[in-house]
Amino acid sequence: MASEQHNLIFLGVALKYPIEIDQFGRPVLITGQSLLQQSITIILNTELGSKFFQEDWGSRIREVLFEANDPAMEGLLSAYTKEAIDKWEKRVTFTGVTFSYPSVDSVNLRISYRINATNQDGSFVYPFYKALKY
């Protein structure tokens, strides 16, 4: 219980996205690492210029959709990920990203970060799809 309260103080609480309803009809709330991962995912999924009145909110990673899977693309993805996290997620410090290629049309980014309030390290996999999957 103490770690839950610790997360609430430093990281906050938010609605789970997409919104879910529990068995009592209340919206599901998240905190801790789940909240940070959701926040970073939403930032990376939002293309620059797509948010009304906040045209600079989001990331530029969609700009590499048609790039070849090579070190140049990895450099761009790393730079755009760092840029977005540094600008929009102040609760963490970006520490790095590594890449894996589960298929020709997708890249998994393992994003590593440090939680500023606790100095705790965290990471998660962000799947980046270069083609629509049906």
C-alpha atoms as a PDB file:
ATOM      1  CA  MET A   1       0.000   0.000   0.000  1.00  0.00           C
ATOM      2  CA  ALA A   2       2.880   2.386   0.718  1.00  0.00           C
ATOM      3  CA  SER A   3       4.269   2.057  -2.826  1.00  0.00           C
ATOM      4  CA  GLU A   4       0.790   2.745  -4.259  1.00  0.00           C
ATOM      5  CA  GLN A   5       0.557   5.967  -2.250  1.00  0.00           C
ATOM      6  CA  HIS A   6       4.107   6.827  -3.296  1.00  0.00           C
ATOM      7  CA  ASN A   7       3.118   6.445  -6.990  1.00  0.00           C
ATOM      8  CA  LEU A   8      -0.004   8.551  -6.478  1.00  0.00           C
ATOM      9  CA  ILE A   9       2.025  11.397  -4.995  1.00  0.00           C
ATOM     10  CA  PHE A  10       4.780  11.481  -7.602  1.00  0.00           C
ATOM     11  CA  LEU A  11       3.205  10.142 -10.780  1.00  0.00           C
ATOM     12  CA  GLY A  12      -0.491  10.894 -10.456  1.00  0.00           C
ATOM     13  CA  VAL A  13      -3.631   9.027 -11.445  1.00  0.00           C
ATOM     14  CA  ALA A  14      -5.396   8.971 -14.807  1.00  0.00           C
ATOM     15  CA  LEU A  15      -8.150   7.223 -16.695  1.00  0.00           C
ATOM     16  CA  LYS A  16      -7.011   4.132 -18.531  1.00  0.00           C
ATOM     17  CA  TYR A  17      -7.065   4.724 -22.281  1.00  0.00           C
ATOM     18  CA  PRO A  18      -9.029   3.486 -24.062  1.00  0.00           C
ATOM     19  CA  ILE A  19     -11.538   4.040 -21.287  1.00  0.00           C
ATOM     20  CA  GLU A  20     -12.644   0.881 -19.484  1.00  0.00           C
ATOM     21  CA  ILE A  21     -15.436   0.426 -16.961  1.00  0.00           C
ATOM     22  CA  ASP A  22     -15.024  -1.916 -13.970  1.00  0.00           C
ATOM     23  CA  GLN A  23     -17.686  -4.315 -12.644  1.00  0.00           C
ATOM     24  CA  PHE A  24     -19.157  -1.514 -10.484  1.00  0.00           C
ATOM     25  CA  GLY A  25     -19.640   0.869 -13.418  1.00  0.00           C
ATOM     26  CA  ARG A  26     -16.683   3.089 -12.536  1.00  0.00           C
ATOM     27  CA  PRO A  27     -13.933   4.066 -14.962  1.00  0.00           C
ATOM     28  CA  VAL A  28     -10.653   2.182 -14.492  1.00  0.00           C
ATOM     29  CA  LEU A  29      -7.810   4.355 -13.163  1.00  0.00           C
ATOM     30  CA  ILE A  30      -4.083   3.713 -13.573  1.00  0.00           C
ATOM     31  CA  THR A  31      -0.940   4.936 -11.840  1.00  0.00           C
ATOM     32  CA  GLY A  32       2.757   4.087 -11.644  1.00  0.00           C
ATOM     33  CA  GLN A  33       4.661   2.582 -14.563  1.00  0.00           C
ATOM     34  CA  SER A  34       1.393   1.871 -16.408  1.00  0.00           C
ATOM     35  CA  LEU A  35       0.503   5.552 -16.328  1.00  0.00           C
ATOM     36  CA  LEU A  36       3.922   6.586 -17.640  1.00  0.00           C
ATOM     37  CA  GLN A  37       3.827   4.006 -20.423  1.00  0.00           C
ATOM     38  CA  GLN A  38       0.337   5.088 -21.442  1.00  0.00           C
ATOM     39  CA  SER A  39       1.393   8.731 -21.452  1.00  0.00           C
ATOM     40  CA  ILE A  40       4.504   8.091 -23.564  1.00  0.00           C
ATOM     41  CA  THR A  41       2.514   5.910 -25.977  1.00  0.00           C
ATOM     42  CA  ILE A  42      -0.114   8.632 -26.457  1.00  0.00           C
ATOM     43  CA  ILE A  43       2.606  11.237 -27.059  1.00  0.00           C
ATOM     44  CA  LEU A  44       4.371   9.033 -29.635  1.00  0.00           C
ATOM     45  CA  ASN A  45       1.090   8.094 -31.361  1.00  0.00           C
ATOM     46  CA  THR A  46       0.077  11.746 -31.792  1.00  0.00           C
ATOM     47  CA  GLU A  47       1.371  13.262 -34.996  1.00  0.00           C
ATOM     48  CA  LEU A  48       2.628  16.844 -34.762  1.00  0.00           C
ATOM     49  CA  GLY A  49      -0.001  19.333 -35.891  1.00  0.00           C
ATOM     50  CA  SER A  50      -2.948  17.027 -35.224  1.00  0.00           C
ATOM     51  CA  LYS A  51      -3.977  18.407 -31.820  1.00  0.00           C
ATOM     52  CA  PHE A  52      -6.198  21.468 -32.049  1.00  0.00           C
ATOM     53  CA  PHE A  53      -4.677  24.552 -30.366  1.00  0.00           C
ATOM     54  CA  GLN A  54      -1.500  22.583 -29.544  1.00  0.00           C
ATOM     55  CA  GLU A  55       0.065  22.007 -32.943  1.00  0.00           C
ATOM     56  CA  ASP A  56       3.508  21.286 -31.437  1.00  0.00           C
ATOM     57  CA  TRP A  57       2.229  18.490 -29.137  1.00  0.00           C
ATOM     58  CA  GLY A  58       3.141  14.931 -30.091  1.00  0.00           C
ATOM     59  CA  SER A  59       6.061  13.374 -31.941  1.00  0.00           C
ATOM     60  CA  ARG A  60       7.666  13.225 -35.355  1.00  0.00           C
ATOM     61  CA  ILE A  61       8.112   9.441 -35.550  1.00  0.00           C
ATOM     62  CA  ARG A  62       5.520   9.133 -38.339  1.00  0.00           C
ATOM     63  CA  GLU A  63       8.023  10.945 -40.574  1.00  0.00           C
ATOM     64  CA  VAL A  64      10.064   7.726 -40.851  1.00  0.00           C
ATOM     65  CA  LEU A  65       7.229   5.521 -42.126  1.00  0.00           C
ATOM     66  CA  PHE A  66       8.776   5.098 -45.552  1.00  0.00           C
ATOM     67  CA  GLU A  67      12.411   4.866 -44.516  1.00  0.00           C
ATOM     68  CA  ALA A  68      14.357   1.632 -44.923  1.00  0.00           C
ATOM     69  CA  ASN A  69      15.052  -0.440 -41.809  1.00  0.00           C
ATOM     70  CA  ASP A  70      18.638   0.721 -41.401  1.00  0.00           C
ATOM     71  CA  PRO A  71      20.833   2.666 -38.958  1.00  0.00           C
ATOM     72  CA  ALA A  72      19.635   5.996 -40.397  1.00  0.00           C
ATOM     73  CA  MET A  73      16.015   5.126 -39.573  1.00  0.00           C
ATOM     74  CA  GLU A  74      17.058   3.987 -36.083  1.00  0.00           C
ATOM     75  CA  GLY A  75      18.846   7.296 -35.554  1.00  0.00           C
ATOM     76  CA  LEU A  76      15.759   9.266 -36.590  1.00  0.00           C
ATOM     77  CA  LEU A  77      13.438   7.146 -34.417  1.00  0.00           C
ATOM     78  CA  SER A  78      15.768   7.543 -31.457  1.00  0.00           C
ATOM     79  CA  ALA A  79      16.053  11.321 -31.921  1.00  0.00           C
ATOM     80  CA  TYR A  80      12.306  11.823 -32.419  1.00  0.00           C
ATOM     81  CA  THR A  81      11.467   9.626 -29.411  1.00  0.00           C
ATOM     82  CA  LYS A  82      13.922  11.484 -27.175  1.00  0.00           C
ATOM     83  CA  GLU A  83      12.677  14.848 -28.446  1.00  0.00           C
ATOM     84  CA  ALA A  84       9.025  14.024 -27.672  1.00  0.00           C
ATOM     85  CA  ILE A  85       9.649  12.479 -24.252  1.00  0.00           C
ATOM     86  CA  ASP A  86      11.990  15.270 -23.154  1.00  0.00           C
ATOM     87  CA  LYS A  87       9.480  17.911 -24.203  1.00  0.00           C
ATOM     88  CA  TRP A  88       6.181  16.389 -23.078  1.00  0.00           C
ATOM     89  CA  GLU A  89       6.781  13.841 -20.300  1.00  0.00           C
ATOM     90  CA  LYS A  90       8.465  15.766 -17.482  1.00  0.00           C
ATOM     91  CA  ARG A  91       8.074  12.950 -14.936  1.00  0.00           C
ATOM     92  CA  VAL A  92      10.827  10.916 -16.633  1.00  0.00           C
ATOM     93  CA  THR A  93      14.246  11.305 -18.217  1.00  0.00           C
ATOM     94  CA  PHE A  94      14.768   9.430 -21.481  1.00  0.00           C
ATOM     95  CA  THR A  95      17.794   7.126 -21.141  1.00  0.00           C
ATOM     96  CA  GLY A  96      17.803   5.260 -24.430  1.00  0.00           C
ATOM     97  CA  VAL A  97      16.108   3.117 -27.015  1.00  0.00           C
ATOM     98  CA  THR A  98      16.993  -0.212 -28.610  1.00  0.00           C
ATOM     99  CA  PHE A  99      15.435  -1.783 -31.678  1.00  0.00           C
ATOM    100  CA  SER A 100      14.228  -5.211 -32.749  1.00  0.00           C
ATOM    101  CA  TYR A 101      12.542  -6.245 -35.977  1.00  0.00           C
ATOM    102  CA  PRO A 102       9.737  -8.788 -35.533  1.00  0.00           C
ATOM    103  CA  SER A 103       8.754  -8.401 -39.216  1.00  0.00           C
ATOM    104  CA  VAL A 104       9.692  -6.449 -42.329  1.00  0.00           C
ATOM    105  CA  ASP A 105       6.922  -3.904 -41.686  1.00  0.00           C
ATOM    106  CA  SER A 106       7.410  -3.297 -37.970  1.00  0.00           C
ATOM    107  CA  VAL A 107      10.017  -2.142 -35.502  1.00  0.00           C
ATOM    108  CA  ASN A 108       9.853  -2.631 -31.742  1.00  0.00           C
ATOM    109  CA  LEU A 109      11.372   0.226 -29.776  1.00  0.00           C
ATOM    110  CA  ARG A 110      12.407  -0.686 -26.228  1.00  0.00           C
ATOM    111  CA  ILE A 111      12.225   2.730 -24.600  1.00  0.00           C
ATOM    112  CA  SER A 112      14.195   3.142 -21.377  1.00  0.00           C
ATOM    113  CA  TYR A 113      13.660   5.960 -18.914  1.00  0.00           C
ATOM    114  CA  ARG A 114      14.347   7.013 -15.340  1.00  0.00           C
ATOM    115  CA  ILE A 115      11.542   8.278 -13.112  1.00  0.00           C
ATOM    116  CA  ASN A 116      12.724  11.668 -11.868  1.00  0.00           C
ATOM    117  CA  ALA A 117      10.983  11.576  -8.484  1.00  0.00           C
ATOM    118  CA  THR A 118      12.263   8.149  -7.432  1.00  0.00           C
ATOM    119  CA  ASN A 119      15.355   7.586  -9.622  1.00  0.00           C
ATOM    120  CA  GLN A 120      13.820   4.223 -10.576  1.00  0.00           C
ATOM    121  CA  ASP A 121      14.551   2.836 -14.046  1.00  0.00           C
ATOM    122  CA  GLY A 122      11.789   1.598 -16.303  1.00  0.00           C
ATOM    123  CA  SER A 123      11.292   0.451 -19.865  1.00  0.00           C
ATOM    124  CA  PHE A 124       8.622  -0.838 -22.193  1.00  0.00           C
ATOM    125  CA  VAL A 125       8.229  -1.929 -25.798  1.00  0.00           C
ATOM    126  CA  TYR A 126       6.561   0.496 -28.192  1.00  0.00           C
ATOM    127  CA  PRO A 127       5.567  -1.240 -31.452  1.00  0.00           C
ATOM    128  CA  PHE A 128       6.021   0.959 -34.529  1.00  0.00           C
ATOM    129  CA  TYR A 129       4.186  -0.368 -37.578  1.00  0.00           C
ATOM    130  CA  LYS A 130       5.314   0.770 -41.015  1.00  0.00           C
ATOM    131  CA  ALA A 131       2.335  -0.815 -42.756  1.00  0.00           C
ATOM    132  CA  LEU A 132      -1.276  -1.472 -41.850  1.00  0.00           C
ATOM    133  CA  LYS A 133      -1.967  -4.947 -40.506  1.00  0.00           C
ATOM    134  CA  TYR A 134      -5.399  -6.425 -41.163  1.00  0.00           C
END
